[in-house]
Amino acid sequence: MAQKSQGFIHLFWNCPQCKSKNIGSAKVCAQCGSPQPANVDFYQQDAAELIKDEAEVKKAVLGPDINCPYCTTRNSADAQICVQCGGDISEGARRKTGQILGAFKPGQKTTVNCASCGAENAITLTTCHQCGTGLGTQAKAAAPVQSSTDKKKMNPILLVLLILGAIAICCLVVSGISGLFSKEELRGTVKSVSWTYSVNIERYGPMQAEDWQADIPADATNLSCKPRYHHDETEYVSGAEEVCGTPYTKDLGNGYAEVVQDCVYQVSEPYCSYEIMGWQNEDQVTSSGSDMNPYWPNYSLSSDQRAADQTESYTVLFSADSKQYEYSPSTYEEFSACEPGSEWNLTVNGFNSVLSISPVN
């Protein structure tokens, strides 16, 4: 899956000392001067604008910041020495990057009111332009909206019905498993037999078919093709349709986030109907009876016909303990031994299905 970038946005962090909101690129709190902790979490605002300033974009693409191993000061990814203590930061820990912060929500809110003086401030400000008070913390994620059904307590009668329904389902499952694996040995007498023999007749001639153009036989005629979705590609292919998901933000570890979309490229190929010469089913002839003498049906074929699939099926009806049980022999040899009036040992499962038979010694 391809990842498509839409641009970059500013992230924010909350000062652990005074709880003030700060823009992600700030190394110290704008309200109390406390340094940004090495493990502070960045978050996005409810609404964000894509950064248009090229200098800010260059800062965003530098990569995750490095925390000085000596004084923990935050340094940009391209720094060689710490801006605070001058120490070598080549061994410093880089901030985590790649965390998904949520869906990108542009243009939902542009101002916020100061809790102290009520002045209206741009949402990107961290302190009130009128009184200098910190504009407070920003929620990292909106609380899930509770549905009306969640707010209401479940009806006790409905709850009882659901429990009884679950118990009934469990009983059915247990009963089904029990019936499947339980077995009973009975002695049965053959009451009646039946059989059916079938032969499919095919004719050679023009037939309609469909397939991808690349897989059509060379002798096909009367092609009619239309483009149809065939597969996805992660890279663009000429003529493919780009399909992208909802834009979301990815933490770059430096106070900025990249707005990206996951995209695939849907490739279409010609799918065709065509005509070709071949064998296709035309008819079926059968013979059947209720005796011990099965036979194949008689039929005649023209020069463009042939006999294809042949099937044989047998049914034996047993009587045992005042009940009737049906059994389907798999071969003629097994069927021919089941003479009406003969006695057999039956193995029957919990569903009254005959699993196997054996002659009575």
Protein backbone atom coordinates (compact mmCIF):
# COMPACT_ATOMS: atom_id res chain seq x y z
CA MET A 1 0.00 0.00 0.00
CA ALA A 2 1.38 3.39 -1.01
CA GLN A 3 1.49 6.29 1.42
CA LYS A 4 0.69 9.72 0.00
CA SER A 5 1.75 12.87 1.83
CA GLN A 6 -0.53 15.90 1.96
CA GLY A 7 1.81 18.12 3.98
CA PHE A 8 2.73 18.92 7.58
CA ILE A 9 1.08 20.44 10.65
CA HIS A 10 2.23 21.81 14.01
CA LEU A 11 1.79 19.59 17.05
CA PHE A 12 1.48 20.77 20.67
CA TRP A 13 2.55 19.65 24.13
CA ASN A 14 1.37 20.40 27.65
CA CYS A 15 3.84 21.65 30.25
CA PRO A 16 3.90 19.15 33.16
CA GLN A 17 4.63 22.03 35.59
CA CYS A 18 1.95 24.63 34.79
CA LYS A 19 -0.25 22.63 32.39
CA SER A 20 0.02 25.33 29.69
CA LYS A 21 -0.25 24.44 26.05
CA ASN A 22 2.88 24.91 23.92
CA ILE A 23 3.56 24.64 20.22
CA GLY A 24 5.54 21.48 19.37
CA SER A 25 8.68 23.29 18.21
CA ALA A 26 9.07 25.17 21.53
CA LYS A 27 11.97 23.84 23.62
CA VAL A 28 10.70 25.48 26.82
CA CYS A 29 7.26 26.34 28.16
CA ALA A 30 6.09 29.76 27.01
CA GLN A 31 4.25 30.31 30.32
CA CYS A 32 6.67 29.15 33.08
CA GLY A 33 9.96 28.55 31.25
CA SER A 34 10.23 24.86 32.20
CA PRO A 35 12.15 22.78 29.64
CA GLN A 36 10.24 20.35 27.51
CA PRO A 37 10.64 16.88 29.11
CA ALA A 38 12.31 14.16 27.01
CA ASN A 39 9.25 11.92 27.30
CA VAL A 40 6.57 14.52 26.68
CA ASP A 41 3.71 13.50 24.36
CA PHE A 42 2.87 15.56 21.30
CA TYR A 43 -0.76 15.88 20.18
CA GLN A 44 -2.72 17.52 17.40
CA GLN A 45 -5.45 20.13 17.85
CA ASP A 46 -9.09 19.63 16.99
CA ALA A 47 -8.43 21.67 13.87
CA ALA A 48 -5.15 22.19 12.05
CA GLU A 49 -3.91 24.03 8.99
CA LEU A 50 -1.25 22.62 6.70
CA ILE A 51 2.04 24.51 7.07
CA LYS A 52 2.74 26.78 4.11
CA ASP A 53 5.99 28.37 5.33
CA GLU A 54 8.91 26.65 3.54
CA ALA A 55 11.29 27.19 6.44
CA GLU A 56 8.88 25.39 8.79
CA VAL A 57 8.45 22.55 6.28
CA LYS A 58 12.25 22.09 6.19
CA LYS A 59 12.26 21.76 9.98
CA ALA A 60 9.49 19.18 9.82
CA VAL A 61 11.30 16.92 7.35
CA LEU A 62 14.56 16.88 9.34
CA GLY A 63 13.36 13.94 11.39
CA PRO A 64 13.07 13.18 15.12
CA ASP A 65 14.77 15.44 17.65
CA ILE A 66 17.70 14.29 19.77
CA ASN A 67 17.74 14.68 23.57
CA CYS A 68 21.18 15.54 24.94
CA PRO A 69 22.58 12.61 26.96
CA TYR A 70 24.09 15.10 29.47
CA CYS A 71 21.46 17.79 30.11
CA THR A 72 18.41 16.22 28.30
CA THR A 73 17.91 19.41 26.27
CA ARG A 74 16.03 18.91 23.05
CA ASN A 75 18.08 19.39 19.86
CA SER A 76 17.07 19.28 16.20
CA ALA A 77 17.93 16.19 14.16
CA ASP A 78 20.79 17.92 12.29
CA ALA A 79 22.56 19.27 15.42
CA GLN A 80 26.10 18.05 16.18
CA ILE A 81 26.45 19.51 19.68
CA CYS A 82 23.89 20.39 22.32
CA VAL A 83 22.52 23.93 22.06
CA GLN A 84 22.35 24.12 25.87
CA CYS A 85 25.55 22.54 27.24
CA GLY A 86 27.71 22.10 24.13
CA GLY A 87 28.03 18.35 24.71
CA ASP A 88 28.43 15.77 21.95
CA ILE A 89 24.93 14.49 21.14
CA SER A 90 25.95 11.72 18.73
CA GLU A 91 24.97 9.21 21.42
CA GLY A 92 21.79 11.03 22.35
CA ALA A 93 18.40 9.32 22.20
CA ARG A 94 16.18 10.25 19.30
CA ARG A 95 12.53 10.80 20.03
CA LYS A 96 10.05 8.15 19.00
CA THR A 97 8.50 8.74 15.61
CA GLY A 98 5.75 7.26 13.49
CA GLN A 99 3.00 7.24 16.11
CA ILE A 100 -0.46 7.65 14.55
CA LEU A 101 -2.22 10.59 16.25
CA GLY A 102 -5.61 10.26 14.58
CA ALA A 103 -7.55 11.53 11.61
CA PHE A 104 -6.61 14.90 10.14
CA LYS A 105 -9.38 17.43 10.85
CA PRO A 106 -8.81 20.66 8.97
CA GLY A 107 -10.73 23.88 9.60
CA GLN A 108 -13.07 22.80 12.41
CA LYS A 109 -12.03 25.48 14.91
CA THR A 110 -9.95 28.64 14.52
CA THR A 111 -10.28 30.49 17.86
CA VAL A 112 -10.34 29.79 21.60
CA ASN A 113 -11.52 32.03 24.45
CA CYS A 114 -9.19 32.81 27.37
CA ALA A 115 -10.51 31.35 30.64
CA SER A 116 -9.19 34.38 32.60
CA CYS A 117 -10.28 37.44 30.62
CA GLY A 118 -12.54 35.92 27.93
CA ALA A 119 -10.54 37.37 25.06
CA GLU A 120 -10.72 35.52 21.75
CA ASN A 121 -7.38 34.07 20.60
CA ALA A 122 -6.19 32.23 17.51
CA ILE A 123 -6.11 28.52 18.27
CA THR A 124 -2.39 28.35 17.44
CA LEU A 125 -1.55 30.75 20.31
CA THR A 126 -0.31 29.27 23.59
CA THR A 127 -0.85 32.39 25.76
CA CYS A 128 -3.63 34.98 25.69
CA HIS A 129 -2.71 38.01 23.57
CA GLN A 130 -4.59 40.28 25.98
CA CYS A 131 -3.61 39.14 29.49
CA GLY A 132 -0.76 36.70 28.91
CA THR A 133 -2.49 33.79 30.67
CA GLY A 134 -1.77 30.30 29.38
CA LEU A 135 -4.61 29.11 27.21
CA GLY A 136 -4.76 25.80 29.05
CA THR A 137 -4.41 22.19 28.11
CA GLN A 138 -5.70 20.58 24.99
CA ALA A 139 -7.43 17.24 25.09
CA LYS A 140 -5.39 14.60 23.29
CA ALA A 141 -8.42 12.80 21.96
CA ALA A 142 -12.13 13.44 22.05
CA ALA A 143 -14.07 11.19 24.36
CA PRO A 144 -16.21 8.73 22.45
CA VAL A 145 -19.80 9.87 22.05
CA GLN A 146 -22.14 7.67 24.02
CA SER A 147 -25.09 6.45 22.02
CA SER A 148 -28.60 6.69 23.33
CA THR A 149 -28.71 2.91 23.73
CA ASP A 150 -25.50 3.00 25.81
CA LYS A 151 -26.98 5.61 28.13
CA LYS A 152 -30.03 3.54 28.88
CA LYS A 153 -29.96 0.51 31.10
CA MET A 154 -30.88 -2.68 29.36
CA ASN A 155 -34.48 -3.80 29.86
CA PRO A 156 -34.45 -6.71 32.42
CA ILE A 157 -36.92 -8.73 30.34
CA LEU A 158 -34.76 -8.29 27.23
CA LEU A 159 -31.71 -9.33 29.24
CA VAL A 160 -33.47 -12.51 30.41
CA LEU A 161 -34.54 -13.30 26.84
CA LEU A 162 -30.99 -12.83 25.60
CA ILE A 163 -29.66 -15.14 28.31
CA LEU A 164 -32.31 -17.79 27.55
CA GLY A 165 -31.53 -17.47 23.84
CA ALA A 166 -27.83 -17.98 24.50
CA ILE A 167 -28.59 -21.04 26.66
CA ALA A 168 -30.83 -22.47 23.92
CA ILE A 169 -28.13 -21.99 21.31
CA CYS A 170 -25.58 -23.68 23.57
CA CYS A 171 -27.98 -26.61 24.11
CA LEU A 172 -28.47 -26.96 20.35
CA VAL A 173 -24.71 -26.94 19.75
CA VAL A 174 -24.12 -29.52 22.50
CA SER A 175 -27.01 -31.64 21.19
CA GLY A 176 -25.64 -31.45 17.67
CA ILE A 177 -22.14 -32.48 18.75
CA SER A 178 -23.58 -35.28 20.90
CA GLY A 179 -25.73 -36.54 18.05
CA LEU A 180 -22.82 -36.43 15.63
CA PHE A 181 -20.51 -38.56 17.77
CA SER A 182 -23.02 -40.88 19.50
CA LYS A 183 -23.53 -44.33 17.92
CA GLU A 184 -26.05 -47.12 18.32
CA GLU A 185 -25.93 -50.72 17.02
CA LEU A 186 -29.24 -52.08 15.65
CA ARG A 187 -30.43 -55.12 13.72
CA GLY A 188 -32.45 -54.19 10.65
CA THR A 189 -34.31 -55.89 7.83
CA VAL A 190 -34.23 -54.67 4.22
CA LYS A 191 -37.73 -53.45 3.33
CA SER A 192 -37.12 -52.02 -0.15
CA VAL A 193 -34.42 -50.91 -2.57
CA SER A 194 -34.15 -48.37 -5.40
CA TRP A 195 -31.54 -47.26 -7.90
CA THR A 196 -30.90 -44.60 -10.56
CA TYR A 197 -28.36 -44.59 -13.41
CA SER A 198 -27.69 -41.35 -15.33
CA VAL A 199 -25.61 -40.39 -18.39
CA ASN A 200 -24.90 -36.80 -19.47
CA ILE A 201 -25.00 -36.15 -23.22
CA GLU A 202 -22.76 -33.39 -24.61
CA ARG A 203 -22.83 -31.70 -28.01
CA TYR A 204 -19.88 -30.16 -29.85
CA GLY A 205 -20.59 -26.71 -31.22
CA PRO A 206 -20.32 -22.96 -30.65
CA MET A 207 -20.52 -21.96 -27.00
CA GLN A 208 -20.40 -18.68 -25.10
CA ALA A 209 -17.66 -18.07 -22.55
CA GLU A 210 -16.06 -15.24 -20.54
CA ASP A 211 -12.52 -14.60 -19.39
CA TRP A 212 -9.77 -12.04 -19.10
CA GLN A 213 -8.48 -11.07 -22.53
CA ALA A 214 -4.99 -12.39 -21.78
CA ASP A 215 -6.43 -15.87 -21.06
CA ILE A 216 -8.75 -16.21 -24.07
CA PRO A 217 -7.92 -19.11 -26.46
CA ALA A 218 -6.41 -18.14 -29.79
CA ASP A 219 -9.32 -19.60 -31.79
CA ALA A 220 -12.00 -17.56 -29.99
CA THR A 221 -14.30 -15.38 -32.10
CA ASN A 222 -16.82 -12.56 -31.60
CA LEU A 223 -14.96 -10.91 -28.77
CA SER A 224 -16.71 -8.17 -26.79
CA CYS A 225 -14.54 -6.64 -24.07
CA LYS A 226 -15.01 -4.09 -21.30
CA PRO A 227 -12.56 -2.89 -18.64
CA ARG A 228 -13.02 -4.52 -15.22
CA TYR A 229 -11.15 -4.22 -11.94
CA HIS A 230 -8.37 -6.80 -11.90
CA HIS A 231 -5.92 -6.11 -9.06
CA ASP A 232 -4.25 -3.51 -6.84
CA GLU A 233 -0.78 -2.04 -7.22
CA THR A 234 1.20 -0.14 -4.58
CA GLU A 235 2.84 2.07 -7.22
CA TYR A 236 1.11 4.04 -9.93
CA VAL A 237 0.46 2.20 -13.20
CA SER A 238 -0.69 4.04 -16.31
CA GLY A 239 -4.47 4.13 -16.45
CA ALA A 240 -4.95 2.93 -12.88
CA GLU A 241 -7.44 4.56 -10.52
CA GLU A 242 -6.03 5.96 -7.30
CA VAL A 243 -8.11 5.08 -4.23
CA CYS A 244 -7.07 6.66 -0.93
CA GLY A 245 -8.29 6.37 2.65
CA THR A 246 -9.00 9.07 5.22
CA PRO A 247 -6.04 11.43 5.83
CA TYR A 248 -4.36 10.91 9.22
CA THR A 249 -1.43 12.40 11.09
CA LYS A 250 1.87 10.72 11.87
CA ASP A 251 4.13 12.07 14.62
CA LEU A 252 7.58 13.01 13.24
CA GLY A 253 9.14 13.22 16.71
CA ASN A 254 10.08 16.91 16.38
CA GLY A 255 6.88 18.79 17.17
CA TYR A 256 5.50 18.36 13.69
CA ALA A 257 3.29 15.73 12.10
CA GLU A 258 2.94 14.60 8.52
CA VAL A 259 -0.56 14.31 7.08
CA VAL A 260 -0.70 11.12 5.01
CA GLN A 261 -3.15 8.88 3.21
CA ASP A 262 -2.88 5.18 2.50
CA CYS A 263 -3.53 4.64 -1.19
CA VAL A 264 -3.76 1.80 -3.66
CA TYR A 265 -3.92 1.89 -7.43
CA GLN A 266 -6.75 -0.19 -8.88
CA VAL A 267 -5.77 -1.66 -12.23
CA SER A 268 -8.41 -2.65 -14.77
CA GLU A 269 -7.96 -5.21 -17.53
CA PRO A 270 -10.19 -6.12 -20.51
CA TYR A 271 -12.75 -8.76 -19.56
CA CYS A 272 -14.38 -10.35 -22.60
CA SER A 273 -17.27 -12.49 -23.70
CA TYR A 274 -16.48 -14.62 -26.72
CA GLU A 275 -17.55 -17.62 -28.78
CA ILE A 276 -15.58 -20.83 -29.13
CA MET A 277 -16.17 -24.37 -30.34
CA GLY A 278 -16.38 -26.94 -27.56
CA TRP A 279 -18.31 -29.64 -25.75
CA GLN A 280 -21.23 -28.52 -23.63
CA ASN A 281 -23.92 -30.39 -21.74
CA GLU A 282 -27.14 -30.82 -23.75
CA ASP A 283 -29.18 -33.59 -22.14
CA GLN A 284 -29.28 -36.32 -19.50
CA VAL A 285 -30.77 -39.78 -19.91
CA THR A 286 -31.67 -41.89 -16.87
CA SER A 287 -32.97 -45.28 -15.90
CA SER A 288 -34.32 -46.20 -12.48
CA GLY A 289 -36.05 -49.01 -10.66
CA SER A 290 -37.00 -50.66 -7.39
CA ASP A 291 -35.43 -54.08 -7.96
CA MET A 292 -32.00 -55.69 -7.81
CA ASN A 293 -31.30 -55.41 -11.55
CA PRO A 294 -29.99 -51.91 -12.36
CA TYR A 295 -29.04 -51.13 -15.95
CA TRP A 296 -27.65 -48.18 -17.90
CA PRO A 297 -30.17 -46.27 -20.04
CA ASN A 298 -30.24 -46.75 -23.78
CA TYR A 299 -29.43 -43.77 -25.97
CA SER A 300 -28.23 -42.95 -29.47
CA LEU A 301 -25.70 -40.30 -30.40
CA SER A 302 -25.34 -38.12 -33.47
CA SER A 303 -21.95 -37.34 -35.00
CA ASP A 304 -21.58 -34.18 -32.89
CA GLN A 305 -22.62 -35.79 -29.58
CA ARG A 306 -20.83 -37.86 -26.96
CA ALA A 307 -21.60 -39.57 -23.65
CA ALA A 308 -19.94 -37.75 -20.78
CA ASP A 309 -20.29 -38.12 -17.00
CA GLN A 310 -22.04 -41.24 -15.74
CA THR A 311 -23.48 -41.49 -12.23
CA GLU A 312 -25.05 -44.33 -10.27
CA SER A 313 -26.94 -44.04 -6.98
CA TYR A 314 -28.49 -46.67 -4.70
CA THR A 315 -30.90 -46.51 -1.75
CA VAL A 316 -31.76 -49.24 0.74
CA LEU A 317 -34.60 -48.84 3.25
CA PHE A 318 -34.19 -50.78 6.54
CA SER A 319 -36.74 -51.47 9.27
CA ALA A 320 -35.41 -51.74 12.84
CA ASP A 321 -37.19 -51.35 16.20
CA SER A 322 -40.36 -50.12 14.46
CA LYS A 323 -38.41 -47.34 12.73
CA GLN A 324 -37.18 -46.92 9.19
CA TYR A 325 -33.60 -46.05 8.27
CA GLU A 326 -32.31 -45.07 4.84
CA TYR A 327 -28.86 -46.04 3.63
CA SER A 328 -26.98 -45.26 0.38
CA PRO A 329 -24.52 -47.97 -0.68
CA SER A 330 -21.44 -46.52 -2.37
CA THR A 331 -20.93 -49.40 -4.85
CA TYR A 332 -23.02 -51.85 -6.85
CA GLU A 333 -21.39 -54.74 -4.98
CA GLU A 334 -22.65 -53.43 -1.64
CA PHE A 335 -26.10 -52.73 -3.09
CA SER A 336 -26.44 -56.17 -4.70
CA ALA A 337 -25.95 -57.85 -1.32
CA CYS A 338 -28.94 -56.03 0.20
CA GLU A 339 -31.67 -58.44 -0.90
CA PRO A 340 -35.14 -57.50 0.38
CA GLY A 341 -35.85 -59.47 3.56
CA SER A 342 -32.16 -59.91 4.46
CA GLU A 343 -30.97 -58.90 7.91
CA TRP A 344 -28.09 -56.53 8.65
CA ASN A 345 -26.27 -54.96 11.58
CA LEU A 346 -26.72 -51.17 11.41
CA THR A 347 -24.49 -48.53 13.00
CA VAL A 348 -26.67 -45.43 13.52
CA ASN A 349 -25.69 -41.99 14.88
CA GLY A 350 -27.75 -39.61 17.05
CA PHE A 351 -29.42 -38.15 13.95
CA ASN A 352 -30.74 -41.58 12.89
CA SER A 353 -28.37 -41.67 9.94
CA VAL A 354 -26.93 -45.08 9.03
CA LEU A 355 -23.15 -44.86 9.12
CA SER A 356 -22.36 -48.43 8.04
CA ILE A 357 -23.90 -51.87 7.60
CA SER A 358 -22.61 -55.41 7.99
CA PRO A 359 -24.29 -58.76 7.32
CA VAL A 360 -25.72 -60.71 10.27
CA ASN A 361 -23.60 -63.81 10.84
